[in-house]
Amino acid sequence: MLHPDACDASSQKAGRRFFFLDLVHFLAQFKTMIRLNIHEAKTHLSKYLPRLEQGEKIMLCRRNVPIAEIVPITRSVNGPRPIGLAKGAFSVSPDFFAPLPDEIQKAFEGRNG
């Protein structure tokens, strides 16, 4: 990344703009994220789990070089699902509950010899 003063006169304004966008991206991506080296993650990961559950991300590094990102899993709804969500979306024909033909029944049971 170039310093904004390193650009020539014609592209200096554009260079500054990209420099500041890179800086904003850097701050948003790396300053708000927990950075852990592998050794620290192995020994102290349980200390960071509550922050991970709160929605923070952990960047896993090897010698301060990012190699992976640990992100929280979205929580599933633990309550009961309401009945009738698909009401009217499809219909079941009356022969759905009829017994299967003998050759299909034998195939399911492994007796199709």
PDB file of N, CA and C in Angstrom:
ATOM      1  N   MET A   1       0.860  -1.169   0.000  1.00  0.00           N
ATOM      2  CA  MET A   1       0.000   0.000   0.000  1.00  0.00           C
ATOM      3  C   MET A   1       0.898   1.221   0.000  1.00  0.00           C
ATOM      4  N   LEU A   2       0.605   2.168  -0.858  1.00  0.00           N
ATOM      5  CA  LEU A   2       1.402   3.379  -0.966  1.00  0.00           C
ATOM      6  C   LEU A   2       0.935   4.429   0.010  1.00  0.00           C
ATOM      7  N   HIS A   3       1.876   5.206   0.464  1.00  0.00           N
ATOM      8  CA  HIS A   3       1.534   6.366   1.274  1.00  0.00           C
ATOM      9  C   HIS A   3       0.941   7.405   0.343  1.00  0.00           C
ATOM     10  N   PRO A   4      -0.046   8.216   0.758  1.00  0.00           N
ATOM     11  CA  PRO A   4      -0.689   9.161  -0.157  1.00  0.00           C
ATOM     12  C   PRO A   4       0.274  10.186  -0.732  1.00  0.00           C
ATOM     13  N   ASP A   5       1.367  10.498  -0.067  1.00  0.00           N
ATOM     14  CA  ASP A   5       2.323  11.467  -0.599  1.00  0.00           C
ATOM     15  C   ASP A   5       3.209  10.868  -1.670  1.00  0.00           C
ATOM     16  N   ALA A   6       3.196   9.548  -1.845  1.00  0.00           N
ATOM     17  CA  ALA A   6       4.058   8.905  -2.825  1.00  0.00           C
ATOM     18  C   ALA A   6       3.464   8.945  -4.228  1.00  0.00           C
ATOM     19  N   CYS A   7       2.237   9.391  -4.415  1.00  0.00           N
ATOM     20  CA  CYS A   7       1.587   9.429  -5.716  1.00  0.00           C
ATOM     21  C   CYS A   7       2.029  10.674  -6.473  1.00  0.00           C
ATOM     22  N   ASP A   8       2.007  10.578  -7.818  1.00  0.00           N
ATOM     23  CA  ASP A   8       2.321  11.778  -8.590  1.00  0.00           C
ATOM     24  C   ASP A   8       1.152  12.753  -8.519  1.00  0.00           C
ATOM     25  N   ALA A   9       1.337  13.959  -9.075  1.00  0.00           N
ATOM     26  CA  ALA A   9       0.345  15.030  -8.916  1.00  0.00           C
ATOM     27  C   ALA A   9      -1.001  14.677  -9.531  1.00  0.00           C
ATOM     28  N   SER A  10      -1.000  13.976 -10.676  1.00  0.00           N
ATOM     29  CA  SER A  10      -2.271  13.686 -11.352  1.00  0.00           C
ATOM     30  C   SER A  10      -3.110  12.650 -10.598  1.00  0.00           C
ATOM     31  N   SER A  11      -2.468  11.730  -9.918  1.00  0.00           N
ATOM     32  CA  SER A  11      -3.234  10.690  -9.233  1.00  0.00           C
ATOM     33  C   SER A  11      -3.170  10.823  -7.713  1.00  0.00           C
ATOM     34  N   GLN A  12      -2.667  11.939  -7.230  1.00  0.00           N
ATOM     35  CA  GLN A  12      -2.519  12.090  -5.786  1.00  0.00           C
ATOM     36  C   GLN A  12      -3.863  12.072  -5.079  1.00  0.00           C
ATOM     37  N   LYS A  13      -4.867  12.750  -5.660  1.00  0.00           N
ATOM     38  CA  LYS A  13      -6.183  12.783  -5.026  1.00  0.00           C
ATOM     39  C   LYS A  13      -6.802  11.383  -5.001  1.00  0.00           C
ATOM     40  N   ALA A  14      -6.711  10.659  -6.123  1.00  0.00           N
ATOM     41  CA  ALA A  14      -7.246   9.296  -6.181  1.00  0.00           C
ATOM     42  C   ALA A  14      -6.474   8.379  -5.242  1.00  0.00           C
ATOM     43  N   GLY A  15      -5.149   8.568  -5.170  1.00  0.00           N
ATOM     44  CA  GLY A  15      -4.331   7.752  -4.276  1.00  0.00           C
ATOM     45  C   GLY A  15      -4.710   7.960  -2.830  1.00  0.00           C
ATOM     46  N   ARG A  16      -4.970   9.189  -2.451  1.00  0.00           N
ATOM     47  CA  ARG A  16      -5.389   9.473  -1.066  1.00  0.00           C
ATOM     48  C   ARG A  16      -6.710   8.800  -0.759  1.00  0.00           C
ATOM     49  N   ARG A  17      -7.620   8.871  -1.728  1.00  0.00           N
ATOM     50  CA  ARG A  17      -8.928   8.268  -1.506  1.00  0.00           C
ATOM     51  C   ARG A  17      -8.779   6.768  -1.265  1.00  0.00           C
ATOM     52  N   PHE A  18      -7.985   6.077  -2.093  1.00  0.00           N
ATOM     53  CA  PHE A  18      -7.801   4.644  -1.921  1.00  0.00           C
ATOM     54  C   PHE A  18      -7.035   4.337  -0.642  1.00  0.00           C
ATOM     55  N   PHE A  19      -6.096   5.190  -0.289  1.00  0.00           N
ATOM     56  CA  PHE A  19      -5.360   4.993   0.956  1.00  0.00           C
ATOM     57  C   PHE A  19      -6.306   5.040   2.145  1.00  0.00           C
ATOM     58  N   PHE A  20      -7.201   6.019   2.169  1.00  0.00           N
ATOM     59  CA  PHE A  20      -8.116   6.139   3.295  1.00  0.00           C
ATOM     60  C   PHE A  20      -9.154   5.023   3.291  1.00  0.00           C
ATOM     61  N   LEU A  21      -9.570   4.576   2.105  1.00  0.00           N
ATOM     62  CA  LEU A  21     -10.487   3.436   2.056  1.00  0.00           C
ATOM     63  C   LEU A  21      -9.808   2.185   2.583  1.00  0.00           C
ATOM     64  N   ASP A  22      -8.534   1.991   2.230  1.00  0.00           N
ATOM     65  CA  ASP A  22      -7.799   0.850   2.758  1.00  0.00           C
ATOM     66  C   ASP A  22      -7.656   0.950   4.268  1.00  0.00           C
ATOM     67  N   LEU A  23      -7.427   2.140   4.766  1.00  0.00           N
ATOM     68  CA  LEU A  23      -7.294   2.330   6.201  1.00  0.00           C
ATOM     69  C   LEU A  23      -8.602   2.023   6.921  1.00  0.00           C
ATOM     70  N   VAL A  24      -9.715   2.491   6.352  1.00  0.00           N
ATOM     71  CA  VAL A  24     -11.022   2.211   6.950  1.00  0.00           C
ATOM     72  C   VAL A  24     -11.287   0.715   6.929  1.00  0.00           C
ATOM     73  N   HIS A  25     -11.001   0.057   5.818  1.00  0.00           N
ATOM     74  CA  HIS A  25     -11.192  -1.386   5.715  1.00  0.00           C
ATOM     75  C   HIS A  25     -10.327  -2.100   6.746  1.00  0.00           C
ATOM     76  N   PHE A  26      -9.076  -1.678   6.875  1.00  0.00           N
ATOM     77  CA  PHE A  26      -8.172  -2.291   7.839  1.00  0.00           C
ATOM     78  C   PHE A  26      -8.719  -2.153   9.257  1.00  0.00           C
ATOM     79  N   LEU A  27      -9.135  -0.932   9.605  1.00  0.00           N
ATOM     80  CA  LEU A  27      -9.638  -0.709  10.965  1.00  0.00           C
ATOM     81  C   LEU A  27     -10.913  -1.494  11.222  1.00  0.00           C
ATOM     82  N   ALA A  28     -11.807  -1.524  10.247  1.00  0.00           N
ATOM     83  CA  ALA A  28     -13.066  -2.241  10.435  1.00  0.00           C
ATOM     84  C   ALA A  28     -12.842  -3.741  10.522  1.00  0.00           C
ATOM     85  N   GLN A  29     -11.896  -4.253   9.737  1.00  0.00           N
ATOM     86  CA  GLN A  29     -11.692  -5.693   9.673  1.00  0.00           C
ATOM     87  C   GLN A  29     -10.831  -6.212  10.816  1.00  0.00           C
ATOM     88  N   PHE A  30      -9.774  -5.506  11.171  1.00  0.00           N
ATOM     89  CA  PHE A  30      -8.801  -6.065  12.091  1.00  0.00           C
ATOM     90  C   PHE A  30      -8.855  -5.492  13.498  1.00  0.00           C
ATOM     91  N   LYS A  31      -9.326  -4.291  13.671  1.00  0.00           N
ATOM     92  CA  LYS A  31      -9.359  -3.714  15.011  1.00  0.00           C
ATOM     93  C   LYS A  31     -10.560  -4.197  15.801  1.00  0.00           C
ATOM     94  N   THR A  32     -11.649  -4.555  15.128  1.00  0.00           N
ATOM     95  CA  THR A  32     -12.843  -4.992  15.832  1.00  0.00           C
ATOM     96  C   THR A  32     -12.869  -6.502  16.050  1.00  0.00           C
ATOM     97  N   MET A  33     -11.833  -7.183  15.573  1.00  0.00           N
ATOM     98  CA  MET A  33     -11.802  -8.633  15.631  1.00  0.00           C
ATOM     99  C   MET A  33     -10.746  -9.076  16.644  1.00  0.00           C
ATOM    100  N   ILE A  34     -11.015 -10.155  17.347  1.00  0.00           N
ATOM    101  CA  ILE A  34     -10.042 -10.723  18.275  1.00  0.00           C
ATOM    102  C   ILE A  34      -8.983 -11.439  17.441  1.00  0.00           C
ATOM    103  N   ARG A  35      -7.723 -11.131  17.683  1.00  0.00           N
ATOM    104  CA  ARG A  35      -6.621 -11.794  16.973  1.00  0.00           C
ATOM    105  C   ARG A  35      -5.874 -12.683  17.959  1.00  0.00           C
ATOM    106  N   LEU A  36      -5.780 -13.963  17.643  1.00  0.00           N
ATOM    107  CA  LEU A  36      -5.089 -14.918  18.506  1.00  0.00           C
ATOM    108  C   LEU A  36      -4.050 -15.692  17.706  1.00  0.00           C
ATOM    109  N   ASN A  37      -2.863 -15.812  18.259  1.00  0.00           N
ATOM    110  CA  ASN A  37      -1.893 -16.734  17.690  1.00  0.00           C
ATOM    111  C   ASN A  37      -2.269 -18.142  18.127  1.00  0.00           C
ATOM    112  N   ILE A  38      -1.750 -19.131  17.425  1.00  0.00           N
ATOM    113  CA  ILE A  38      -2.166 -20.518  17.646  1.00  0.00           C
ATOM    114  C   ILE A  38      -1.915 -20.955  19.083  1.00  0.00           C
ATOM    115  N   HIS A  39      -0.767 -20.634  19.632  1.00  0.00           N
ATOM    116  CA  HIS A  39      -0.460 -21.042  21.006  1.00  0.00           C
ATOM    117  C   HIS A  39      -1.465 -20.445  21.990  1.00  0.00           C
ATOM    118  N   GLU A  40      -1.768 -19.168  21.844  1.00  0.00           N
ATOM    119  CA  GLU A  40      -2.722 -18.530  22.745  1.00  0.00           C
ATOM    120  C   GLU A  40      -4.113 -19.129  22.580  1.00  0.00           C
ATOM    121  N   ALA A  41      -4.490 -19.446  21.348  1.00  0.00           N
ATOM    122  CA  ALA A  41      -5.804 -20.049  21.115  1.00  0.00           C
ATOM    123  C   ALA A  41      -5.893 -21.428  21.772  1.00  0.00           C
ATOM    124  N   LYS A  42      -4.809 -22.195  21.678  1.00  0.00           N
ATOM    125  CA  LYS A  42      -4.827 -23.529  22.288  1.00  0.00           C
ATOM    126  C   LYS A  42      -4.920 -23.461  23.804  1.00  0.00           C
ATOM    127  N   THR A  43      -4.295 -22.467  24.408  1.00  0.00           N
ATOM    128  CA  THR A  43      -4.263 -22.427  25.870  1.00  0.00           C
ATOM    129  C   THR A  43      -5.388 -21.601  26.483  1.00  0.00           C
ATOM    130  N   HIS A  44      -5.934 -20.618  25.746  1.00  0.00           N
ATOM    131  CA  HIS A  44      -6.904 -19.698  26.344  1.00  0.00           C
ATOM    132  C   HIS A  44      -8.198 -19.556  25.550  1.00  0.00           C
ATOM    133  N   LEU A  45      -8.526 -20.496  24.684  1.00  0.00           N
ATOM    134  CA  LEU A  45      -9.720 -20.350  23.851  1.00  0.00           C
ATOM    135  C   LEU A  45     -10.990 -20.251  24.683  1.00  0.00           C
ATOM    136  N   SER A  46     -11.065 -20.992  25.776  1.00  0.00           N
ATOM    137  CA  SER A  46     -12.281 -20.961  26.598  1.00  0.00           C
ATOM    138  C   SER A  46     -12.535 -19.569  27.175  1.00  0.00           C
ATOM    139  N   LYS A  47     -11.485 -18.786  27.357  1.00  0.00           N
ATOM    140  CA  LYS A  47     -11.644 -17.426  27.866  1.00  0.00           C
ATOM    141  C   LYS A  47     -12.340 -16.533  26.830  1.00  0.00           C
ATOM    142  N   TYR A  48     -12.183 -16.847  25.552  1.00  0.00           N
ATOM    143  CA  TYR A  48     -12.752 -16.027  24.481  1.00  0.00           C
ATOM    144  C   TYR A  48     -14.126 -16.506  24.026  1.00  0.00           C
ATOM    145  N   LEU A  49     -14.574 -17.666  24.467  1.00  0.00           N
ATOM    146  CA  LEU A  49     -15.865 -18.208  24.027  1.00  0.00           C
ATOM    147  C   LEU A  49     -17.054 -17.301  24.346  1.00  0.00           C
ATOM    148  N   PRO A  50     -17.129 -16.670  25.535  1.00  0.00           N
ATOM    149  CA  PRO A  50     -18.268 -15.775  25.764  1.00  0.00           C
ATOM    150  C   PRO A  50     -18.325 -14.618  24.763  1.00  0.00           C
ATOM    151  N   ARG A  51     -17.173 -14.084  24.383  1.00  0.00           N
ATOM    152  CA  ARG A  51     -17.163 -12.998  23.397  1.00  0.00           C
ATOM    153  C   ARG A  51     -17.562 -13.520  22.020  1.00  0.00           C
ATOM    154  N   LEU A  52     -17.167 -14.751  21.728  1.00  0.00           N
ATOM    155  CA  LEU A  52     -17.567 -15.370  20.463  1.00  0.00           C
ATOM    156  C   LEU A  52     -19.072 -15.580  20.432  1.00  0.00           C
ATOM    157  N   GLU A  53     -19.651 -15.996  21.554  1.00  0.00           N
ATOM    158  CA  GLU A  53     -21.098 -16.179  21.637  1.00  0.00           C
ATOM    159  C   GLU A  53     -21.845 -14.867  21.494  1.00  0.00           C
ATOM    160  N   GLN A  54     -21.214 -13.763  21.861  1.00  0.00           N
ATOM    161  CA  GLN A  54     -21.829 -12.435  21.728  1.00  0.00           C
ATOM    162  C   GLN A  54     -21.827 -11.957  20.281  1.00  0.00           C
ATOM    163  N   GLY A  55     -21.128 -12.670  19.384  1.00  0.00           N
ATOM    164  CA  GLY A  55     -21.120 -12.299  17.974  1.00  0.00           C
ATOM    165  C   GLY A  55     -19.783 -11.825  17.452  1.00  0.00           C
ATOM    166  N   GLU A  56     -18.759 -11.728  18.315  1.00  0.00           N
ATOM    167  CA  GLU A  56     -17.438 -11.307  17.847  1.00  0.00           C
ATOM    168  C   GLU A  56     -16.779 -12.434  17.067  1.00  0.00           C
ATOM    169  N   LYS A  57     -15.859 -12.064  16.180  1.00  0.00           N
ATOM    170  CA  LYS A  57     -15.110 -13.036  15.398  1.00  0.00           C
ATOM    171  C   LYS A  57     -13.705 -13.148  15.958  1.00  0.00           C
ATOM    172  N   ILE A  58     -13.092 -14.310  15.758  1.00  0.00           N
ATOM    173  CA  ILE A  58     -11.709 -14.526  16.173  1.00  0.00           C
ATOM    174  C   ILE A  58     -10.889 -14.804  14.928  1.00  0.00           C
ATOM    175  N   MET A  59      -9.802 -14.049  14.759  1.00  0.00           N
ATOM    176  CA  MET A  59      -8.888 -14.304  13.664  1.00  0.00           C
ATOM    177  C   MET A  59      -7.735 -15.121  14.226  1.00  0.00           C
ATOM    178  N   LEU A  60      -7.526 -16.301  13.674  1.00  0.00           N
ATOM    179  CA  LEU A  60      -6.474 -17.199  14.109  1.00  0.00           C
ATOM    180  C   LEU A  60      -5.229 -16.920  13.280  1.00  0.00           C
ATOM    181  N   CYS A  61      -4.092 -16.681  13.938  1.00  0.00           N
ATOM    182  CA  CYS A  61      -2.860 -16.287  13.252  1.00  0.00           C
ATOM    183  C   CYS A  61      -1.742 -17.274  13.564  1.00  0.00           C
ATOM    184  N   ARG A  62      -0.821 -17.388  12.613  1.00  0.00           N
ATOM    185  CA  ARG A  62       0.424 -18.116  12.818  1.00  0.00           C
ATOM    186  C   ARG A  62       1.539 -17.092  12.686  1.00  0.00           C
ATOM    187  N   ARG A  63       2.227 -16.833  13.763  1.00  0.00           N
ATOM    188  CA  ARG A  63       3.270 -15.800  13.807  1.00  0.00           C
ATOM    189  C   ARG A  63       2.734 -14.456  13.333  1.00  0.00           C
ATOM    190  N   ASN A  64       1.571 -14.082  13.836  1.00  0.00           N
ATOM    191  CA  ASN A  64       0.881 -12.822  13.535  1.00  0.00           C
ATOM    192  C   ASN A  64       0.434 -12.682  12.086  1.00  0.00           C
ATOM    193  N   VAL A  65       0.407 -13.762  11.328  1.00  0.00           N
ATOM    194  CA  VAL A  65      -0.108 -13.758   9.957  1.00  0.00           C
ATOM    195  C   VAL A  65      -1.444 -14.483   9.971  1.00  0.00           C
ATOM    196  N   PRO A  66      -2.543 -13.823   9.580  1.00  0.00           N
ATOM    197  CA  PRO A  66      -3.869 -14.462   9.626  1.00  0.00           C
ATOM    198  C   PRO A  66      -3.937 -15.699   8.742  1.00  0.00           C
ATOM    199  N   ILE A  67      -4.490 -16.785   9.306  1.00  0.00           N
ATOM    200  CA  ILE A  67      -4.650 -18.017   8.531  1.00  0.00           C
ATOM    201  C   ILE A  67      -6.085 -18.525   8.528  1.00  0.00           C
ATOM    202  N   ALA A  68      -6.883 -18.118   9.521  1.00  0.00           N
ATOM    203  CA  ALA A  68      -8.266 -18.600   9.582  1.00  0.00           C
ATOM    204  C   ALA A  68      -9.096 -17.638  10.413  1.00  0.00           C
ATOM    205  N   GLU A  69     -10.411 -17.791  10.267  1.00  0.00           N
ATOM    206  CA  GLU A  69     -11.325 -16.955  11.020  1.00  0.00           C
ATOM    207  C   GLU A  69     -12.347 -17.854  11.700  1.00  0.00           C
ATOM    208  N   ILE A  70     -12.546 -17.645  12.979  1.00  0.00           N
ATOM    209  CA  ILE A  70     -13.553 -18.402  13.733  1.00  0.00           C
ATOM    210  C   ILE A  70     -14.748 -17.485  13.915  1.00  0.00           C
ATOM    211  N   VAL A  71     -15.898 -17.914  13.412  1.00  0.00           N
ATOM    212  CA  VAL A  71     -17.106 -17.092  13.480  1.00  0.00           C
ATOM    213  C   VAL A  71     -18.170 -17.836  14.279  1.00  0.00           C
ATOM    214  N   PRO A  72     -19.025 -17.096  14.970  1.00  0.00           N
ATOM    215  CA  PRO A  72     -20.080 -17.767  15.739  1.00  0.00           C
ATOM    216  C   PRO A  72     -21.131 -18.374  14.818  1.00  0.00           C
ATOM    217  N   ILE A  73     -21.722 -19.450  15.274  1.00  0.00           N
ATOM    218  CA  ILE A  73     -22.811 -20.097  14.536  1.00  0.00           C
ATOM    219  C   ILE A  73     -24.103 -19.406  14.945  1.00  0.00           C
ATOM    220  N   THR A  74     -24.950 -19.151  13.956  1.00  0.00           N
ATOM    221  CA  THR A  74     -26.225 -18.525  14.279  1.00  0.00           C
ATOM    222  C   THR A  74     -27.057 -19.500  15.109  1.00  0.00           C
ATOM    223  N   ARG A  75     -27.687 -18.972  16.100  1.00  0.00           N
ATOM    224  CA  ARG A  75     -28.466 -19.819  17.013  1.00  0.00           C
ATOM    225  C   ARG A  75     -29.769 -20.256  16.362  1.00  0.00           C
ATOM    226  N   SER A  76     -30.121 -21.512  16.593  1.00  0.00           N
ATOM    227  CA  SER A  76     -31.392 -22.014  16.092  1.00  0.00           C
ATOM    228  C   SER A  76     -32.479 -21.723  17.123  1.00  0.00           C
ATOM    229  N   VAL A  77     -33.680 -21.704  16.648  1.00  0.00           N
ATOM    230  CA  VAL A  77     -34.813 -21.466  17.535  1.00  0.00           C
ATOM    231  C   VAL A  77     -35.054 -22.725  18.343  1.00  0.00           C
ATOM    232  N   ASN A  78     -35.091 -22.598  19.649  1.00  0.00           N
ATOM    233  CA  ASN A  78     -35.271 -23.763  20.514  1.00  0.00           C
ATOM    234  C   ASN A  78     -36.721 -24.020  20.876  1.00  0.00           C
ATOM    235  N   GLY A  79     -37.614 -23.113  20.537  1.00  0.00           N
ATOM    236  CA  GLY A  79     -39.016 -23.282  20.883  1.00  0.00           C
ATOM    237  C   GLY A  79     -39.718 -24.238  19.932  1.00  0.00           C
ATOM    238  N   PRO A  80     -40.929 -24.632  20.275  1.00  0.00           N
ATOM    239  CA  PRO A  80     -41.680 -25.528  19.394  1.00  0.00           C
ATOM    240  C   PRO A  80     -42.076 -24.822  18.099  1.00  0.00           C
ATOM    241  N   ARG A  81     -42.068 -25.568  17.025  1.00  0.00           N
ATOM    242  CA  ARG A  81     -42.470 -25.017  15.733  1.00  0.00           C
ATOM    243  C   ARG A  81     -43.989 -24.963  15.664  1.00  0.00           C
ATOM    244  N   PRO A  82     -44.532 -23.910  15.114  1.00  0.00           N
ATOM    245  CA  PRO A  82     -45.990 -23.827  15.011  1.00  0.00           C
ATOM    246  C   PRO A  82     -46.525 -24.840  13.996  1.00  0.00           C
ATOM    247  N   ILE A  83     -47.700 -25.341  14.269  1.00  0.00           N
ATOM    248  CA  ILE A  83     -48.340 -26.318  13.391  1.00  0.00           C
ATOM    249  C   ILE A  83     -49.101 -25.570  12.297  1.00  0.00           C
ATOM    250  N   GLY A  84     -49.042 -26.106  11.087  1.00  0.00           N
ATOM    251  CA  GLY A  84     -49.829 -25.554   9.996  1.00  0.00           C
ATOM    252  C   GLY A  84     -49.102 -24.526   9.149  1.00  0.00           C
ATOM    253  N   LEU A  85     -47.779 -24.523   9.151  1.00  0.00           N
ATOM    254  CA  LEU A  85     -47.036 -23.545   8.357  1.00  0.00           C
ATOM    255  C   LEU A  85     -47.250 -23.735   6.848  1.00  0.00           C
ATOM    256  N   ALA A  86     -47.453 -24.981   6.406  1.00  0.00           N
ATOM    257  CA  ALA A  86     -47.614 -25.263   4.985  1.00  0.00           C
ATOM    258  C   ALA A  86     -49.073 -25.501   4.606  1.00  0.00           C
ATOM    259  N   LYS A  87     -50.001 -25.043   5.417  1.00  0.00           N
ATOM    260  CA  LYS A  87     -51.414 -25.269   5.153  1.00  0.00           C
ATOM    261  C   LYS A  87     -51.796 -24.627   3.813  1.00  0.00           C
ATOM    262  N   GLY A  88     -52.391 -25.446   2.938  1.00  0.00           N
ATOM    263  CA  GLY A  88     -52.823 -24.968   1.636  1.00  0.00           C
ATOM    264  C   GLY A  88     -51.734 -24.960   0.582  1.00  0.00           C
ATOM    265  N   ALA A  89     -50.504 -25.275   0.932  1.00  0.00           N
ATOM    266  CA  ALA A  89     -49.406 -25.259  -0.034  1.00  0.00           C
ATOM    267  C   ALA A  89     -49.408 -26.510  -0.913  1.00  0.00           C
ATOM    268  N   PHE A  90     -49.949 -27.618  -0.431  1.00  0.00           N
ATOM    269  CA  PHE A  90     -50.021 -28.843  -1.221  1.00  0.00           C
ATOM    270  C   PHE A  90     -51.201 -29.669  -0.732  1.00  0.00           C
ATOM    271  N   SER A  91     -51.548 -30.673  -1.519  1.00  0.00           N
ATOM    272  CA  SER A  91     -52.632 -31.566  -1.105  1.00  0.00           C
ATOM    273  C   SER A  91     -52.143 -33.007  -1.239  1.00  0.00           C
ATOM    274  N   VAL A  92     -52.651 -33.869  -0.381  1.00  0.00           N
ATOM    275  CA  VAL A  92     -52.292 -35.281  -0.383  1.00  0.00           C
ATOM    276  C   VAL A  92     -53.428 -36.041  -1.029  1.00  0.00           C
ATOM    277  N   SER A  93     -53.086 -36.851  -2.043  1.00  0.00           N
ATOM    278  CA  SER A  93     -54.131 -37.614  -2.731  1.00  0.00           C
ATOM    279  C   SER A  93     -54.618 -38.741  -1.826  1.00  0.00           C
ATOM    280  N   PRO A  94     -55.853 -39.189  -2.021  1.00  0.00           N
ATOM    281  CA  PRO A  94     -56.407 -40.246  -1.152  1.00  0.00           C
ATOM    282  C   PRO A  94     -55.641 -41.567  -1.237  1.00  0.00           C
ATOM    283  N   ASP A  95     -55.016 -41.871  -2.401  1.00  0.00           N
ATOM    284  CA  ASP A  95     -54.316 -43.150  -2.519  1.00  0.00           C
ATOM    285  C   ASP A  95     -52.930 -43.129  -1.858  1.00  0.00           C
ATOM    286  N   PHE A  96     -52.559 -42.052  -1.221  1.00  0.00           N
ATOM    287  CA  PHE A  96     -51.275 -41.956  -0.529  1.00  0.00           C
ATOM    288  C   PHE A  96     -51.173 -43.004   0.581  1.00  0.00           C
ATOM    289  N   PHE A  97     -52.281 -43.263   1.252  1.00  0.00           N
ATOM    290  CA  PHE A  97     -52.283 -44.195   2.371  1.00  0.00           C
ATOM    291  C   PHE A  97     -52.611 -45.628   1.946  1.00  0.00           C
ATOM    292  N   ALA A  98     -52.816 -45.847   0.655  1.00  0.00           N
ATOM    293  CA  ALA A  98     -53.109 -47.197   0.162  1.00  0.00           C
ATOM    294  C   ALA A  98     -51.854 -48.058   0.267  1.00  0.00           C
ATOM    295  N   PRO A  99     -52.038 -49.387   0.420  1.00  0.00           N
ATOM    296  CA  PRO A  99     -50.873 -50.274   0.494  1.00  0.00           C
ATOM    297  C   PRO A  99     -50.075 -50.240  -0.821  1.00  0.00           C
ATOM    298  N   LEU A 100     -48.765 -50.453  -0.694  1.00  0.00           N
ATOM    299  CA  LEU A 100     -47.905 -50.476  -1.879  1.00  0.00           C
ATOM    300  C   LEU A 100     -48.158 -51.739  -2.689  1.00  0.00           C
ATOM    301  N   PRO A 101     -47.917 -51.694  -4.015  1.00  0.00           N
ATOM    302  CA  PRO A 101     -48.008 -52.927  -4.813  1.00  0.00           C
ATOM    303  C   PRO A 101     -46.989 -53.961  -4.308  1.00  0.00           C
ATOM    304  N   ASP A 102     -47.301 -55.242  -4.543  1.00  0.00           N
ATOM    305  CA  ASP A 102     -46.467 -56.326  -4.011  1.00  0.00           C
ATOM    306  C   ASP A 102     -45.017 -56.242  -4.476  1.00  0.00           C
ATOM    307  N   GLU A 103     -44.758 -55.928  -5.758  1.00  0.00           N
ATOM    308  CA  GLU A 103     -43.372 -55.908  -6.258  1.00  0.00           C
ATOM    309  C   GLU A 103     -42.556 -54.781  -5.592  1.00  0.00           C
ATOM    310  N   ILE A 104     -43.190 -53.658  -5.289  1.00  0.00           N
ATOM    311  CA  ILE A 104     -42.480 -52.566  -4.605  1.00  0.00           C
ATOM    312  C   ILE A 104     -42.252 -52.940  -3.143  1.00  0.00           C
ATOM    313  N   GLN A 105     -43.230 -53.546  -2.518  1.00  0.00           N
ATOM    314  CA  GLN A 105     -43.089 -53.979  -1.124  1.00  0.00           C
ATOM    315  C   GLN A 105     -41.956 -54.997  -1.002  1.00  0.00           C
ATOM    316  N   LYS A 106     -41.881 -55.952  -1.937  1.00  0.00           N
ATOM    317  CA  LYS A 106     -40.813 -56.968  -1.917  1.00  0.00           C
ATOM    318  C   LYS A 106     -39.444 -56.300  -2.114  1.00  0.00           C
ATOM    319  N   ALA A 107     -39.365 -55.282  -2.984  1.00  0.00           N
ATOM    320  CA  ALA A 107     -38.093 -54.590  -3.227  1.00  0.00           C
ATOM    321  C   ALA A 107     -37.648 -53.874  -1.944  1.00  0.00           C
ATOM    322  N   PHE A 108     -38.569 -53.269  -1.225  1.00  0.00           N
ATOM    323  CA  PHE A 108     -38.219 -52.589   0.027  1.00  0.00           C
ATOM    324  C   PHE A 108     -37.730 -53.589   1.064  1.00  0.00           C
ATOM    325  N   GLU A 109     -38.312 -54.771   1.053  1.00  0.00           N
ATOM    326  CA  GLU A 109     -37.936 -55.786   2.036  1.00  0.00           C
ATOM    327  C   GLU A 109     -36.771 -56.628   1.594  1.00  0.00           C
ATOM    328  N   GLY A 110     -36.283 -56.436   0.370  1.00  0.00           N
ATOM    329  CA  GLY A 110     -35.137 -57.194  -0.139  1.00  0.00           C
ATOM    330  C   GLY A 110     -35.495 -58.582  -0.615  1.00  0.00           C
ATOM    331  N   ARG A 111     -36.752 -58.789  -0.997  1.00  0.00           N
ATOM    332  CA  ARG A 111     -37.207 -60.108  -1.437  1.00  0.00           C
ATOM    333  C   ARG A 111     -37.543 -60.115  -2.917  1.00  0.00           C
ATOM    334  N   ASN A 112     -36.857 -59.327  -3.725  1.00  0.00           N
ATOM    335  CA  ASN A 112     -37.233 -59.214  -5.137  1.00  0.00           C
ATOM    336  C   ASN A 112     -36.455 -60.191  -6.000  1.00  0.00           C
ATOM    337  N   GLY A 113     -36.398 -61.458  -5.626  1.00  0.00           N
ATOM    338  CA  GLY A 113     -35.624 -62.471  -6.332  1.00  0.00           C
ATOM    339  C   GLY A 113     -36.445 -63.252  -7.223  1.00  0.00           C
TER     340      GLY A 113
END
